[in-house]
Structure formats: structure tokens, C-alpha cells
Amino acid sequence: MYLDLKSSLMLRLVAGALACFFIAAGLALFGTYRDVRQVNARVADLLARRLQIQLSHIESGIDAAARFPDFDLVSEHLQSAGQCVQYVAPDGSIARSSCIGFNRDIGTPPAWFAALCDWIPSPQADVVRPISYRGKPYGSVVVMTERAAVVAAIWKEVSGMLGLTALVIGAICMLQYGAISRVLRPTKDILAGLDRLALGDLSSRLPHFRLIELQ
């Protein structure tokens, strides 16, 4: 399949722009997972400190052992949509869990994007913090974020880039097509002159061109 110069250059431009878009989308994916992990780590650290303080209060008689683990007040102010907080007892069982649902009807990415995110290996965003007091282990706190919430956050970043990329590609293609068409317009005169020379018309002369390269 043969392409003219304009089509060939536009295809190369589109391929280069799409390659840059996918690189930027990959960076957005890993950047979003990094941000989610940082948020989860901050929540886990605060909850771990909260439970250690509660253990000290229990030892002092200020709090009741039956109320452990109590992190409702902290989780209400820290948790975000799609995030789950779990207290795992020393025996490995989940003794307490607090989750905030994610509204899938808001900002839901298209199916092809969700499938692409499932195909790309993603970093681990779950955070685990052990709980101990006076050298004795008291289980751990696990903070995780629902994958659908992470994918929605990634799509929010990427969708803006997708629209901008399409706009830039369209604008550049139109400008490039017009510029190349104008530059190649003299080639018709050149080919016509060469045809006349090939037929023996030695009086044929090429016209004067504005481009330095064609003079």
C-alpha cells in the first residue's frame, strides 16, 4: 500500500501523539496508585496510633477493654469513597471493618479503559500497620481502596488528556495538510515541464518558485 506524503506524515504524527498519550496515561496510572497508597498509609498510621493510645487508656482504666478496637471517630473524618479499614486480630480473623461505598454511577470509566487497567500490572495500594503495646502484638490495621475507585480516579486524569490530545492532533493535522499541499503545489508545474522536455520541447522552462529549495 502506497501513501502520498501528506497521508504518510499525518499517520506518523498520529502514531507519535498516541504513543505520547499512552506513556502519559501509564504515568497517570502509577501516579494515582502512588497517591492512593500515600492516603492509605496516612490513614493506617493515624489509626495505629489511635489504637495504641486506646490500649494505654485500657491499661490505665480510662477505657474499657470491650470497646477495643474503637476507631470510629478517626475513620469518619479520614476515610474517603471506596476505602476500607479493617482491624485484623492476632489470630488472623477480621474483628472490625469499616468501609465507605463508591458510587459507580459517577465518573465510571468506559469498559475498554477498565479492561486496559486490568491488563496493566498495577502497584500495591493496600497498607498494613501492626499494632503493638509494650512489646505485645495486638493484631494489625489494614487500609485498602476499592479498585473501581482507583480506576475512576485514573480515568478522571486521563479523560482530560484524551480530549486535549485529540484536539491537538486534529489541529496539527489540518495545519500540516494545508502547509504540505501549498508546498507541493509547484510539483505539478515541475512534472508538466519535465514531460515537455521528455517529448523534445527544449524551449520549456520551469516557472519561478518562491521556495528557496525549488529555485
Protein backbone atom coordinates (compact mmCIF):
# COMPACT_ATOMS: atom_id res chain seq x y z
CA MET A 1 0.00 0.00 0.00
CA TYR A 2 1.43 3.31 -1.13
CA LEU A 3 0.63 6.59 0.62
CA ASP A 4 1.21 10.12 -0.52
CA LEU A 5 3.44 12.42 1.52
CA LYS A 6 0.55 14.14 3.30
CA SER A 7 -1.10 10.92 4.43
CA SER A 8 2.23 9.38 5.46
CA LEU A 9 3.20 12.38 7.59
CA MET A 10 -0.22 12.58 9.22
CA LEU A 11 -0.16 8.88 10.10
CA ARG A 12 3.27 9.30 11.67
CA LEU A 13 2.04 12.33 13.58
CA VAL A 14 -0.99 10.44 14.90
CA ALA A 15 1.16 7.44 15.86
CA GLY A 16 3.63 9.66 17.71
CA ALA A 17 0.85 11.52 19.53
CA LEU A 18 -0.85 8.27 20.54
CA ALA A 19 2.45 6.89 21.81
CA CYS A 20 2.92 10.02 23.95
CA PHE A 21 -0.67 9.71 25.19
CA PHE A 22 -0.21 6.09 26.28
CA ILE A 23 3.03 6.98 28.06
CA ALA A 24 1.27 9.84 29.86
CA ALA A 25 -1.66 7.52 30.71
CA GLY A 26 0.76 4.96 32.16
CA LEU A 27 2.41 7.65 34.27
CA ALA A 28 -1.04 8.79 35.44
CA LEU A 29 -1.90 5.21 36.40
CA PHE A 30 1.20 4.70 38.52
CA GLY A 31 0.96 8.23 39.93
CA THR A 32 -2.63 7.67 41.01
CA TYR A 33 -1.75 4.39 42.70
CA ARG A 34 1.12 6.15 44.47
CA ASP A 35 -1.23 8.87 45.73
CA VAL A 36 -3.80 6.29 46.86
CA ARG A 37 -1.12 4.36 48.73
CA GLN A 38 0.07 7.54 50.43
CA VAL A 39 -3.50 8.30 51.55
CA ASN A 40 -3.94 4.73 52.80
CA ALA A 41 -0.62 4.90 54.64
CA ARG A 42 -1.60 8.16 56.34
CA VAL A 43 -4.92 6.68 57.47
CA ALA A 44 -3.24 3.47 58.66
CA ASP A 45 -0.62 5.38 60.67
CA LEU A 46 -3.23 7.52 62.39
CA LEU A 47 -5.43 4.53 63.19
CA ALA A 48 -2.48 2.56 64.54
CA ARG A 49 -1.58 5.43 66.86
CA ARG A 50 -5.23 5.76 67.89
CA LEU A 51 -5.42 2.09 68.86
CA GLN A 52 -2.12 2.27 70.76
CA ILE A 53 -3.49 5.22 72.72
CA GLN A 54 -6.66 3.25 73.42
CA LEU A 55 -4.58 0.33 74.72
CA SER A 56 -2.79 2.68 77.10
CA HIS A 57 -6.16 4.03 78.27
CA ILE A 58 -7.39 0.48 78.84
CA GLU A 59 -4.31 -0.29 80.90
CA SER A 60 -4.89 2.88 82.93
CA GLY A 61 -8.57 2.06 83.46
CA ILE A 62 -9.74 5.10 81.49
CA ASP A 63 -11.27 2.96 78.76
CA ALA A 64 -12.95 -0.44 78.71
CA ALA A 65 -11.28 -3.42 77.03
CA ALA A 66 -14.60 -4.39 75.46
CA ARG A 67 -14.50 -1.22 73.34
CA PHE A 68 -11.23 -2.20 71.64
CA PRO A 69 -10.73 -1.59 68.78
CA ASP A 70 -12.52 1.75 68.61
CA PHE A 71 -11.58 3.82 65.57
CA ASP A 72 -14.98 5.16 64.52
CA LEU A 73 -14.17 8.78 65.31
CA VAL A 74 -10.91 8.66 63.35
CA SER A 75 -12.24 6.74 60.36
CA GLU A 76 -15.28 9.03 59.97
CA HIS A 77 -13.01 12.02 59.38
CA LEU A 78 -10.32 10.26 57.36
CA GLN A 79 -11.96 7.70 55.12
CA SER A 80 -12.70 8.50 51.50
CA ALA A 81 -15.02 6.90 48.94
CA GLY A 82 -14.12 3.33 48.14
CA GLN A 83 -11.78 2.97 51.12
CA CYS A 84 -11.97 0.14 53.67
CA VAL A 85 -10.36 -0.08 57.09
CA GLN A 86 -10.01 -3.43 58.83
CA TYR A 87 -8.70 -4.50 62.20
CA VAL A 88 -7.16 -7.95 61.95
CA ALA A 89 -6.90 -9.77 65.29
CA PRO A 90 -3.72 -11.62 66.30
CA ASP A 91 -5.33 -14.91 65.23
CA GLY A 92 -5.79 -13.56 61.68
CA SER A 93 -9.55 -13.01 61.84
CA ILE A 94 -11.14 -9.70 60.83
CA ALA A 95 -12.51 -8.38 64.11
CA ARG A 96 -13.65 -4.97 62.85
CA SER A 97 -14.25 -3.45 59.43
CA SER A 98 -15.35 -0.02 58.24
CA CYS A 99 -15.93 0.69 54.55
CA ILE A 100 -17.26 3.65 52.60
CA GLY A 101 -19.01 2.73 49.37
CA PHE A 102 -18.03 4.06 45.98
CA ASN A 103 -20.74 5.44 43.70
CA ARG A 104 -20.14 3.60 40.43
CA ASP A 105 -22.60 5.82 38.58
CA ILE A 106 -20.35 8.87 38.98
CA GLY A 107 -17.21 9.04 36.89
CA THR A 108 -17.42 5.42 35.73
CA PRO A 109 -14.78 4.86 33.03
CA PRO A 110 -15.67 3.07 29.77
CA ALA A 111 -15.31 -0.70 29.65
CA TRP A 112 -12.28 -0.61 27.33
CA PHE A 113 -10.37 1.60 29.77
CA ALA A 114 -11.24 -0.59 32.75
CA ALA A 115 -10.10 -3.66 30.78
CA LEU A 116 -6.84 -1.88 29.90
CA CYS A 117 -6.21 -1.05 33.57
CA ASP A 118 -6.87 -4.69 34.49
CA TRP A 119 -4.34 -5.78 31.87
CA ILE A 120 -1.59 -3.42 33.05
CA PRO A 121 0.19 -4.62 36.22
CA SER A 122 -0.59 -2.10 38.96
CA PRO A 123 1.33 -1.32 42.15
CA GLN A 124 0.08 -2.46 45.52
CA ALA A 125 -2.03 0.22 47.21
CA ASP A 126 -3.06 -1.68 50.36
CA VAL A 127 -1.25 -0.72 53.57
CA VAL A 128 -0.80 -2.84 56.69
CA ARG A 129 0.32 -1.45 60.05
CA PRO A 130 0.97 -3.78 63.02
CA ILE A 131 -0.43 -2.81 66.42
CA SER A 132 1.69 -3.41 69.48
CA TYR A 133 1.81 -2.09 73.03
CA ARG A 134 4.62 -2.68 75.48
CA GLY A 135 6.13 -5.25 73.15
CA LYS A 136 2.95 -7.30 72.86
CA PRO A 137 1.31 -7.65 69.42
CA TYR A 138 -2.36 -6.72 69.16
CA GLY A 139 -3.06 -7.55 65.53
CA SER A 140 -2.84 -5.05 62.70
CA VAL A 141 -4.70 -2.38 60.78
CA VAL A 142 -5.28 -2.86 57.06
CA VAL A 143 -6.33 0.06 54.84
CA MET A 144 -7.32 -0.66 51.25
CA THR A 145 -9.09 1.14 48.43
CA GLU A 146 -11.55 -0.46 46.05
CA ARG A 147 -10.02 -0.93 42.60
CA ALA A 148 -13.04 0.63 40.89
CA ALA A 149 -12.44 3.87 42.82
CA VAL A 150 -8.78 3.90 41.75
CA VAL A 151 -9.67 3.25 38.09
CA ALA A 152 -12.25 6.06 38.22
CA ALA A 153 -9.60 8.43 39.58
CA ILE A 154 -7.20 7.40 36.81
CA TRP A 155 -9.91 7.93 34.17
CA LYS A 156 -10.58 11.39 35.54
CA GLU A 157 -6.95 12.27 34.87
CA VAL A 158 -6.70 10.50 31.52
CA SER A 159 -10.02 11.68 30.02
CA GLY A 160 -8.83 15.28 30.12
CA MET A 161 -5.60 14.32 28.38
CA LEU A 162 -7.53 12.29 25.82
CA GLY A 163 -9.68 15.25 24.79
CA LEU A 164 -6.68 17.57 24.64
CA THR A 165 -4.68 15.03 22.63
CA ALA A 166 -7.49 14.63 20.09
CA LEU A 167 -7.83 18.42 19.77
CA VAL A 168 -4.09 18.93 19.29
CA ILE A 169 -3.80 16.08 16.76
CA GLY A 170 -6.74 17.42 14.75
CA ALA A 171 -5.39 20.97 14.71
CA ILE A 172 -1.86 19.90 13.75
CA CYS A 173 -3.12 17.55 11.04
CA MET A 174 -5.18 20.32 9.42
CA LEU A 175 -2.31 22.79 9.57
CA GLN A 176 0.14 20.21 8.27
CA TYR A 177 -2.17 19.14 5.45
CA GLY A 178 -2.65 22.74 4.32
CA ALA A 179 1.06 23.55 4.55
CA ILE A 180 2.17 20.46 2.66
CA SER A 181 -0.49 20.98 -0.02
CA ARG A 182 0.76 24.52 -0.55
CA VAL A 183 4.40 23.41 -0.64
CA LEU A 184 3.75 20.56 -3.10
CA ARG A 185 1.61 22.63 -5.44
CA PRO A 186 4.62 23.58 -7.66
CA THR A 187 5.39 19.90 -8.28
CA LYS A 188 2.58 19.82 -10.83
CA ASP A 189 4.36 22.50 -12.85
CA ILE A 190 7.66 20.69 -12.45
CA LEU A 191 6.24 17.39 -13.70
CA ALA A 192 4.49 19.09 -16.61
CA GLY A 193 7.76 20.81 -17.59
CA LEU A 194 9.70 17.55 -17.36
CA ASP A 195 7.11 15.82 -19.54
CA ARG A 196 7.50 18.51 -22.21
CA LEU A 197 11.29 18.18 -22.04
CA ALA A 198 10.98 14.42 -22.40
CA LEU A 199 8.88 14.96 -25.56
CA GLY A 200 11.68 17.09 -27.05
CA ASP A 201 10.29 20.56 -26.27
CA LEU A 202 13.60 22.14 -25.28
CA SER A 203 12.01 25.56 -25.08
CA SER A 204 10.12 24.54 -21.97
CA ARG A 205 11.18 26.38 -18.85
CA LEU A 206 10.32 25.80 -15.25
CA PRO A 207 8.40 28.63 -13.56
CA HIS A 208 9.90 30.75 -10.82
CA PHE A 209 9.24 29.24 -7.38
CA ARG A 210 9.01 31.11 -4.12
CA LEU A 211 10.65 28.29 -2.15
CA ILE A 212 14.42 28.55 -2.00
CA GLU A 213 14.76 24.76 -2.25
CA LEU A 214 12.99 24.77 -5.64
CA GLN A 215 14.83 27.72 -7.17
